[in-house]
Structures are given as C-alpha cells and as structure tokens.
Amino acid sequence: MTDMVAITLAHPIGPHTCRQLDLEEAEHQIGAVLTLPRGQAMRLVSAGFVAGADPQNFASIQKALRPVKPSASKGKPAAPAAE
C-alpha cells in the first residue's frame, strides 16, 4: 500500500510540467490541493512547488505533506487526515 499525502501548490503547474513530473495532465492553479504518493510529493517539494515546504527544512516538509487516510470505498477521493 502506498503512503498517500495531500499537498497544496505554491506555484501553478501546467500540462507540460505535469508530464515532466508524472502528474495528471491538467492546469493546476496556486492553492490547488493534490493527493499523491509520498515519493511523488517529495519530488514536488524538491522542485519548490509545495506551499510551506522548504526543501532544506525537514520540519516544514513534515507539516506540508498531510497524510491521507485510505478510502474505505474505492473510486472516491480520500480526504486529508485531521490534524
């Protein structure tokens, strides 16, 4: 089972960048919340796309990557875990 996290974008991501980052091709605006596997989210952290995550500060990364509980029913998006 993949560890899923929710992130908030600090910068917009267009279709071309989505292809490069192996994301769903779409226009993702600033403030958009994406649910991704932790490894993929870390790629976005290192590229500077995650709001509140400083790649040089582990504590800020932990805070910016919000764990998502597995969905009980398949096909529905999972909700971010309560803090």
PDB file of N, CA and C in Angstrom:
ATOM      1  N   MET A   1       0.840  -1.179   0.000  1.00  0.00           N
ATOM      2  CA  MET A   1       0.000   0.000   0.000  1.00  0.00           C
ATOM      3  C   MET A   1       0.883   1.240   0.000  1.00  0.00           C
ATOM      4  N   THR A   2       0.535   2.190  -0.844  1.00  0.00           N
ATOM      5  CA  THR A   2       1.312   3.406  -0.995  1.00  0.00           C
ATOM      6  C   THR A   2       0.872   4.436   0.035  1.00  0.00           C
ATOM      7  N   ASP A   3       1.841   5.104   0.631  1.00  0.00           N
ATOM      8  CA  ASP A   3       1.589   6.166   1.597  1.00  0.00           C
ATOM      9  C   ASP A   3       1.158   7.412   0.826  1.00  0.00           C
ATOM     10  N   MET A   4      -0.099   7.821   0.968  1.00  0.00           N
ATOM     11  CA  MET A   4      -0.626   8.965   0.234  1.00  0.00           C
ATOM     12  C   MET A   4      -0.634  10.211   1.123  1.00  0.00           C
ATOM     13  N   VAL A   5      -0.342  11.350   0.489  1.00  0.00           N
ATOM     14  CA  VAL A   5      -0.337  12.626   1.198  1.00  0.00           C
ATOM     15  C   VAL A   5      -1.067  13.668   0.360  1.00  0.00           C
ATOM     16  N   ALA A   6      -1.569  14.697   1.023  1.00  0.00           N
ATOM     17  CA  ALA A   6      -2.185  15.837   0.342  1.00  0.00           C
ATOM     18  C   ALA A   6      -1.213  17.003   0.441  1.00  0.00           C
ATOM     19  N   ILE A   7      -1.067  17.720  -0.673  1.00  0.00           N
ATOM     20  CA  ILE A   7      -0.205  18.900  -0.702  1.00  0.00           C
ATOM     21  C   ILE A   7      -0.992  20.075  -1.264  1.00  0.00           C
ATOM     22  N   THR A   8      -0.533  21.279  -0.973  1.00  0.00           N
ATOM     23  CA  THR A   8      -1.095  22.495  -1.543  1.00  0.00           C
ATOM     24  C   THR A   8      -0.023  23.126  -2.413  1.00  0.00           C
ATOM     25  N   LEU A   9      -0.386  23.477  -3.645  1.00  0.00           N
ATOM     26  CA  LEU A   9       0.589  24.041  -4.572  1.00  0.00           C
ATOM     27  C   LEU A   9       0.926  25.493  -4.247  1.00  0.00           C
ATOM     28  N   ALA A  10       2.211  25.802  -4.318  1.00  0.00           N
ATOM     29  CA  ALA A  10       2.690  27.165  -4.121  1.00  0.00           C
ATOM     30  C   ALA A  10       2.799  27.902  -5.452  1.00  0.00           C
ATOM     31  N   HIS A  11       2.858  27.138  -6.550  1.00  0.00           N
ATOM     32  CA  HIS A  11       3.002  27.698  -7.895  1.00  0.00           C
ATOM     33  C   HIS A  11       2.092  26.922  -8.836  1.00  0.00           C
ATOM     34  N   PRO A  12       1.609  27.566  -9.900  1.00  0.00           N
ATOM     35  CA  PRO A  12       0.770  26.829 -10.851  1.00  0.00           C
ATOM     36  C   PRO A  12       1.603  25.805 -11.616  1.00  0.00           C
ATOM     37  N   ILE A  13       0.953  24.727 -12.018  1.00  0.00           N
ATOM     38  CA  ILE A  13       1.606  23.699 -12.819  1.00  0.00           C
ATOM     39  C   ILE A  13       0.745  23.477 -14.049  1.00  0.00           C
ATOM     40  N   GLY A  14       1.350  23.622 -15.234  1.00  0.00           N
ATOM     41  CA  GLY A  14       0.646  23.402 -16.496  1.00  0.00           C
ATOM     42  C   GLY A  14       0.826  21.986 -17.001  1.00  0.00           C
ATOM     43  N   PRO A  15       0.164  21.645 -18.102  1.00  0.00           N
ATOM     44  CA  PRO A  15       0.230  20.286 -18.652  1.00  0.00           C
ATOM     45  C   PRO A  15       1.646  19.815 -18.981  1.00  0.00           C
ATOM     46  N   HIS A  16       2.479  20.709 -19.527  1.00  0.00           N
ATOM     47  CA  HIS A  16       3.848  20.318 -19.883  1.00  0.00           C
ATOM     48  C   HIS A  16       4.640  19.911 -18.640  1.00  0.00           C
ATOM     49  N   THR A  17       4.543  20.710 -17.595  1.00  0.00           N
ATOM     50  CA  THR A  17       5.241  20.396 -16.345  1.00  0.00           C
ATOM     51  C   THR A  17       4.661  19.141 -15.720  1.00  0.00           C
ATOM     52  N   CYS A  18       3.354  18.950 -15.831  1.00  0.00           N
ATOM     53  CA  CYS A  18       2.722  17.723 -15.314  1.00  0.00           C
ATOM     54  C   CYS A  18       3.338  16.487 -15.962  1.00  0.00           C
ATOM     55  N   ARG A  19       3.534  16.531 -17.281  1.00  0.00           N
ATOM     56  CA  ARG A  19       4.157  15.394 -17.974  1.00  0.00           C
ATOM     57  C   ARG A  19       5.555  15.144 -17.427  1.00  0.00           C
ATOM     58  N   GLN A  20       6.320  16.213 -17.209  1.00  0.00           N
ATOM     59  CA  GLN A  20       7.685  16.072 -16.698  1.00  0.00           C
ATOM     60  C   GLN A  20       7.704  15.482 -15.293  1.00  0.00           C
ATOM     61  N   LEU A  21       6.693  15.818 -14.486  1.00  0.00           N
ATOM     62  CA  LEU A  21       6.645  15.363 -13.096  1.00  0.00           C
ATOM     63  C   LEU A  21       5.786  14.118 -12.912  1.00  0.00           C
ATOM     64  N   ASP A  22       5.300  13.559 -14.013  1.00  0.00           N
ATOM     65  CA  ASP A  22       4.475  12.353 -13.995  1.00  0.00           C
ATOM     66  C   ASP A  22       3.194  12.555 -13.184  1.00  0.00           C
ATOM     67  N   LEU A  23       2.539  13.709 -13.420  1.00  0.00           N
ATOM     68  CA  LEU A  23       1.257  14.024 -12.800  1.00  0.00           C
ATOM     69  C   LEU A  23       0.164  13.972 -13.854  1.00  0.00           C
ATOM     70  N   GLU A  24      -1.098  13.937 -13.402  1.00  0.00           N
ATOM     71  CA  GLU A  24      -2.224  14.020 -14.323  1.00  0.00           C
ATOM     72  C   GLU A  24      -2.105  15.334 -15.096  1.00  0.00           C
ATOM     73  N   GLU A  25      -2.181  15.247 -16.435  1.00  0.00           N
ATOM     74  CA  GLU A  25      -2.038  16.445 -17.259  1.00  0.00           C
ATOM     75  C   GLU A  25      -3.258  17.339 -17.096  1.00  0.00           C
ATOM     76  N   ALA A  26      -3.033  18.484 -16.496  1.00  0.00           N
ATOM     77  CA  ALA A  26      -4.100  19.459 -16.272  1.00  0.00           C
ATOM     78  C   ALA A  26      -3.458  20.779 -15.866  1.00  0.00           C
ATOM     79  N   GLU A  27      -4.274  21.811 -15.810  1.00  0.00           N
ATOM     80  CA  GLU A  27      -3.837  23.104 -15.277  1.00  0.00           C
ATOM     81  C   GLU A  27      -4.133  23.097 -13.789  1.00  0.00           C
ATOM     82  N   HIS A  28      -3.103  23.072 -12.976  1.00  0.00           N
ATOM     83  CA  HIS A  28      -3.265  23.106 -11.516  1.00  0.00           C
ATOM     84  C   HIS A  28      -2.874  24.504 -11.046  1.00  0.00           C
ATOM     85  N   GLN A  29      -3.811  25.209 -10.444  1.00  0.00           N
ATOM     86  CA  GLN A  29      -3.589  26.588 -10.016  1.00  0.00           C
ATOM     87  C   GLN A  29      -2.933  26.657  -8.639  1.00  0.00           C
ATOM     88  N   ILE A  30      -2.425  27.845  -8.301  1.00  0.00           N
ATOM     89  CA  ILE A  30      -1.873  28.087  -6.972  1.00  0.00           C
ATOM     90  C   ILE A  30      -2.963  27.792  -5.954  1.00  0.00           C
ATOM     91  N   GLY A  31      -2.627  27.063  -4.901  1.00  0.00           N
ATOM     92  CA  GLY A  31      -3.583  26.734  -3.857  1.00  0.00           C
ATOM     93  C   GLY A  31      -4.334  25.438  -4.097  1.00  0.00           C
ATOM     94  N   ALA A  32      -4.145  24.841  -5.282  1.00  0.00           N
ATOM     95  CA  ALA A  32      -4.818  23.566  -5.562  1.00  0.00           C
ATOM     96  C   ALA A  32      -4.269  22.498  -4.616  1.00  0.00           C
ATOM     97  N   VAL A  33      -5.153  21.624  -4.155  1.00  0.00           N
ATOM     98  CA  VAL A  33      -4.754  20.528  -3.273  1.00  0.00           C
ATOM     99  C   VAL A  33      -4.696  19.259  -4.111  1.00  0.00           C
ATOM    100  N   LEU A  34      -3.542  18.598  -4.113  1.00  0.00           N
ATOM    101  CA  LEU A  34      -3.348  17.352  -4.840  1.00  0.00           C
ATOM    102  C   LEU A  34      -3.088  16.228  -3.851  1.00  0.00           C
ATOM    103  N   THR A  35      -3.611  15.053  -4.128  1.00  0.00           N
ATOM    104  CA  THR A  35      -3.343  13.867  -3.323  1.00  0.00           C
ATOM    105  C   THR A  35      -2.436  12.966  -4.145  1.00  0.00           C
ATOM    106  N   LEU A  36      -1.252  12.693  -3.593  1.00  0.00           N
ATOM    107  CA  LEU A  36      -0.213  11.971  -4.329  1.00  0.00           C
ATOM    108  C   LEU A  36       0.481  10.955  -3.428  1.00  0.00           C
ATOM    109  N   PRO A  37       1.168   9.981  -4.036  1.00  0.00           N
ATOM    110  CA  PRO A  37       2.053   9.130  -3.237  1.00  0.00           C
ATOM    111  C   PRO A  37       3.177   9.997  -2.643  1.00  0.00           C
ATOM    112  N   ARG A  38       3.629   9.638  -1.459  1.00  0.00           N
ATOM    113  CA  ARG A  38       4.643  10.446  -0.758  1.00  0.00           C
ATOM    114  C   ARG A  38       5.883  10.698  -1.617  1.00  0.00           C
ATOM    115  N   GLY A  39       6.351   9.695  -2.341  1.00  0.00           N
ATOM    116  CA  GLY A  39       7.552   9.864  -3.169  1.00  0.00           C
ATOM    117  C   GLY A  39       7.372  10.920  -4.250  1.00  0.00           C
ATOM    118  N   GLN A  40       6.214  10.915  -4.873  1.00  0.00           N
ATOM    119  CA  GLN A  40       5.923  11.899  -5.909  1.00  0.00           C
ATOM    120  C   GLN A  40       5.793  13.293  -5.291  1.00  0.00           C
ATOM    121  N   ALA A  41       5.188  13.375  -4.114  1.00  0.00           N
ATOM    122  CA  ALA A  41       5.073  14.660  -3.419  1.00  0.00           C
ATOM    123  C   ALA A  41       6.454  15.206  -3.062  1.00  0.00           C
ATOM    124  N   MET A  42       7.364  14.322  -2.691  1.00  0.00           N
ATOM    125  CA  MET A  42       8.728  14.769  -2.349  1.00  0.00           C
ATOM    126  C   MET A  42       9.435  15.340  -3.576  1.00  0.00           C
ATOM    127  N   ARG A  43       9.134  14.821  -4.758  1.00  0.00           N
ATOM    128  CA  ARG A  43       9.691  15.397  -5.989  1.00  0.00           C
ATOM    129  C   ARG A  43       9.218  16.831  -6.154  1.00  0.00           C
ATOM    130  N   LEU A  44       7.939  17.074  -5.836  1.00  0.00           N
ATOM    131  CA  LEU A  44       7.402  18.428  -5.932  1.00  0.00           C
ATOM    132  C   LEU A  44       7.994  19.342  -4.865  1.00  0.00           C
ATOM    133  N   VAL A  45       8.265  18.788  -3.676  1.00  0.00           N
ATOM    134  CA  VAL A  45       8.925  19.575  -2.622  1.00  0.00           C
ATOM    135  C   VAL A  45      10.289  20.025  -3.108  1.00  0.00           C
ATOM    136  N   SER A  46      11.077  19.105  -3.644  1.00  0.00           N
ATOM    137  CA  SER A  46      12.438  19.449  -4.072  1.00  0.00           C
ATOM    138  C   SER A  46      12.427  20.424  -5.244  1.00  0.00           C
ATOM    139  N   ALA A  47      11.344  20.430  -6.038  1.00  0.00           N
ATOM    140  CA  ALA A  47      11.220  21.371  -7.154  1.00  0.00           C
ATOM    141  C   ALA A  47      10.629  22.711  -6.720  1.00  0.00           C
ATOM    142  N   GLY A  48      10.222  22.829  -5.450  1.00  0.00           N
ATOM    143  CA  GLY A  48       9.717  24.089  -4.926  1.00  0.00           C
ATOM    144  C   GLY A  48       8.244  24.352  -5.198  1.00  0.00           C
ATOM    145  N   PHE A  49       7.465  23.323  -5.530  1.00  0.00           N
ATOM    146  CA  PHE A  49       6.060  23.507  -5.866  1.00  0.00           C
ATOM    147  C   PHE A  49       5.105  23.378  -4.682  1.00  0.00           C
ATOM    148  N   VAL A  50       5.574  22.932  -3.526  1.00  0.00           N
ATOM    149  CA  VAL A  50       4.673  22.670  -2.395  1.00  0.00           C
ATOM    150  C   VAL A  50       4.685  23.848  -1.423  1.00  0.00           C
ATOM    151  N   ALA A  51       3.502  24.406  -1.178  1.00  0.00           N
ATOM    152  CA  ALA A  51       3.362  25.542  -0.265  1.00  0.00           C
ATOM    153  C   ALA A  51       3.785  25.144   1.146  1.00  0.00           C
ATOM    154  N   GLY A  52       4.603  25.974   1.765  1.00  0.00           N
ATOM    155  CA  GLY A  52       5.019  25.759   3.148  1.00  0.00           C
ATOM    156  C   GLY A  52       6.138  24.761   3.339  1.00  0.00           C
ATOM    157  N   ALA A  53       6.642  24.171   2.257  1.00  0.00           N
ATOM    158  CA  ALA A  53       7.700  23.162   2.380  1.00  0.00           C
ATOM    159  C   ALA A  53       9.018  23.729   1.881  1.00  0.00           C
ATOM    160  N   ASP A  54       9.957  23.896   2.800  1.00  0.00           N
ATOM    161  CA  ASP A  54      11.315  24.306   2.460  1.00  0.00           C
ATOM    162  C   ASP A  54      12.135  23.031   2.300  1.00  0.00           C
ATOM    163  N   PRO A  55      12.675  22.754   1.108  1.00  0.00           N
ATOM    164  CA  PRO A  55      13.426  21.513   0.897  1.00  0.00           C
ATOM    165  C   PRO A  55      14.594  21.331   1.871  1.00  0.00           C
ATOM    166  N   GLN A  56      15.062  22.406   2.480  1.00  0.00           N
ATOM    167  CA  GLN A  56      16.175  22.336   3.418  1.00  0.00           C
ATOM    168  C   GLN A  56      15.726  22.176   4.870  1.00  0.00           C
ATOM    169  N   ASN A  57      14.402  22.165   5.099  1.00  0.00           N
ATOM    170  CA  ASN A  57      13.873  22.127   6.461  1.00  0.00           C
ATOM    171  C   ASN A  57      12.913  20.953   6.608  1.00  0.00           C
ATOM    172  N   PHE A  58      13.363  19.882   7.258  1.00  0.00           N
ATOM    173  CA  PHE A  58      12.571  18.665   7.399  1.00  0.00           C
ATOM    174  C   PHE A  58      11.248  18.914   8.109  1.00  0.00           C
ATOM    175  N   ALA A  59      11.246  19.745   9.133  1.00  0.00           N
ATOM    176  CA  ALA A  59      10.017  20.019   9.885  1.00  0.00           C
ATOM    177  C   ALA A  59       8.961  20.671   8.991  1.00  0.00           C
ATOM    178  N   SER A  60       9.381  21.574   8.114  1.00  0.00           N
ATOM    179  CA  SER A  60       8.412  22.227   7.229  1.00  0.00           C
ATOM    180  C   SER A  60       7.853  21.231   6.207  1.00  0.00           C
ATOM    181  N   ILE A  61       8.665  20.293   5.774  1.00  0.00           N
ATOM    182  CA  ILE A  61       8.204  19.259   4.838  1.00  0.00           C
ATOM    183  C   ILE A  61       7.172  18.372   5.529  1.00  0.00           C
ATOM    184  N   GLN A  62       7.463  17.953   6.758  1.00  0.00           N
ATOM    185  CA  GLN A  62       6.524  17.119   7.512  1.00  0.00           C
ATOM    186  C   GLN A  62       5.169  17.801   7.667  1.00  0.00           C
ATOM    187  N   LYS A  63       5.200  19.109   7.894  1.00  0.00           N
ATOM    188  CA  LYS A  63       3.962  19.863   8.085  1.00  0.00           C
ATOM    189  C   LYS A  63       3.200  20.032   6.763  1.00  0.00           C
ATOM    190  N   ALA A  64       3.921  20.218   5.651  1.00  0.00           N
ATOM    191  CA  ALA A  64       3.293  20.468   4.352  1.00  0.00           C
ATOM    192  C   ALA A  64       2.707  19.214   3.719  1.00  0.00           C
ATOM    193  N   LEU A  65       3.262  18.031   4.036  1.00  0.00           N
ATOM    194  CA  LEU A  65       2.755  16.769   3.485  1.00  0.00           C
ATOM    195  C   LEU A  65       1.755  16.189   4.481  1.00  0.00           C
ATOM    196  N   ARG A  66       0.476  16.393   4.203  1.00  0.00           N
ATOM    197  CA  ARG A  66      -0.585  15.966   5.115  1.00  0.00           C
ATOM    198  C   ARG A  66      -1.013  14.536   4.784  1.00  0.00           C
ATOM    199  N   PRO A  67      -0.912  13.612   5.744  1.00  0.00           N
ATOM    200  CA  PRO A  67      -1.299  12.217   5.486  1.00  0.00           C
ATOM    201  C   PRO A  67      -2.769  12.111   5.085  1.00  0.00           C
ATOM    202  N   VAL A  68      -3.040  11.191   4.179  1.00  0.00           N
ATOM    203  CA  VAL A  68      -4.407  10.935   3.723  1.00  0.00           C
ATOM    204  C   VAL A  68      -4.776   9.523   4.144  1.00  0.00           C
ATOM    205  N   LYS A  69      -5.915   9.410   4.806  1.00  0.00           N
ATOM    206  CA  LYS A  69      -6.377   8.088   5.228  1.00  0.00           C
ATOM    207  C   LYS A  69      -6.843   7.314   4.001  1.00  0.00           C
ATOM    208  N   PRO A  70      -6.593   6.008   3.964  1.00  0.00           N
ATOM    209  CA  PRO A  70      -7.076   5.205   2.835  1.00  0.00           C
ATOM    210  C   PRO A  70      -8.599   5.254   2.771  1.00  0.00           C
ATOM    211  N   SER A  71      -9.115   5.334   1.574  1.00  0.00           N
ATOM    212  CA  SER A  71     -10.562   5.398   1.366  1.00  0.00           C
ATOM    213  C   SER A  71     -11.175   4.021   1.584  1.00  0.00           C
ATOM    214  N   ALA A  72     -12.283   3.975   2.318  1.00  0.00           N
ATOM    215  CA  ALA A  72     -12.964   2.710   2.583  1.00  0.00           C
ATOM    216  C   ALA A  72     -13.633   2.189   1.315  1.00  0.00           C
ATOM    217  N   SER A  73     -14.133   3.101   0.485  1.00  0.00           N
ATOM    218  CA  SER A  73     -14.756   2.687  -0.764  1.00  0.00           C
ATOM    219  C   SER A  73     -13.894   3.141  -1.932  1.00  0.00           C
ATOM    220  N   LYS A  74     -13.603   2.229  -2.836  1.00  0.00           N
ATOM    221  CA  LYS A  74     -12.755   2.549  -3.978  1.00  0.00           C
ATOM    222  C   LYS A  74     -13.500   3.473  -4.926  1.00  0.00           C
ATOM    223  N   GLY A  75     -12.730   4.293  -5.630  1.00  0.00           N
ATOM    224  CA  GLY A  75     -13.322   5.191  -6.618  1.00  0.00           C
ATOM    225  C   GLY A  75     -13.608   6.571  -6.096  1.00  0.00           C
ATOM    226  N   LYS A  76     -13.598   6.756  -4.791  1.00  0.00           N
ATOM    227  CA  LYS A  76     -13.838   8.077  -4.222  1.00  0.00           C
ATOM    228  C   LYS A  76     -12.495   8.645  -3.747  1.00  0.00           C
ATOM    229  N   PRO A  77     -12.272   9.957  -3.941  1.00  0.00           N
ATOM    230  CA  PRO A  77     -11.024  10.548  -3.454  1.00  0.00           C
ATOM    231  C   PRO A  77     -10.954  10.476  -1.923  1.00  0.00           C
ATOM    232  N   ALA A  78      -9.774  10.235  -1.419  1.00  0.00           N
ATOM    233  CA  ALA A  78      -9.586  10.176   0.031  1.00  0.00           C
ATOM    234  C   ALA A  78      -9.499  11.579   0.598  1.00  0.00           C
ATOM    235  N   ALA A  79      -9.995  11.748   1.790  1.00  0.00           N
ATOM    236  CA  ALA A  79      -9.952  13.053   2.459  1.00  0.00           C
ATOM    237  C   ALA A  79      -8.665  13.155   3.279  1.00  0.00           C
ATOM    238  N   PRO A  80      -8.087  14.363   3.381  1.00  0.00           N
ATOM    239  CA  PRO A  80      -6.905  14.528   4.225  1.00  0.00           C
ATOM    240  C   PRO A  80      -7.228  14.187   5.678  1.00  0.00           C
ATOM    241  N   ALA A  81      -6.258  13.619   6.368  1.00  0.00           N
ATOM    242  CA  ALA A  81      -6.444  13.250   7.772  1.00  0.00           C
ATOM    243  C   ALA A  81      -6.569  14.515   8.624  1.00  0.00           C
ATOM    244  N   ALA A  82      -7.337  14.443   9.656  1.00  0.00           N
ATOM    245  CA  ALA A  82      -7.490  15.576  10.584  1.00  0.00           C
ATOM    246  C   ALA A  82      -6.194  15.756  11.342  1.00  0.00           C
ATOM    247  N   GLU A  83      -5.879  17.006  11.622  1.00  0.00           N
ATOM    248  CA  GLU A  83      -4.621  17.284  12.340  1.00  0.00           C
ATOM    249  C   GLU A  83      -4.853  17.360  13.816  1.00  0.00           C
TER     250      GLU A  83
END
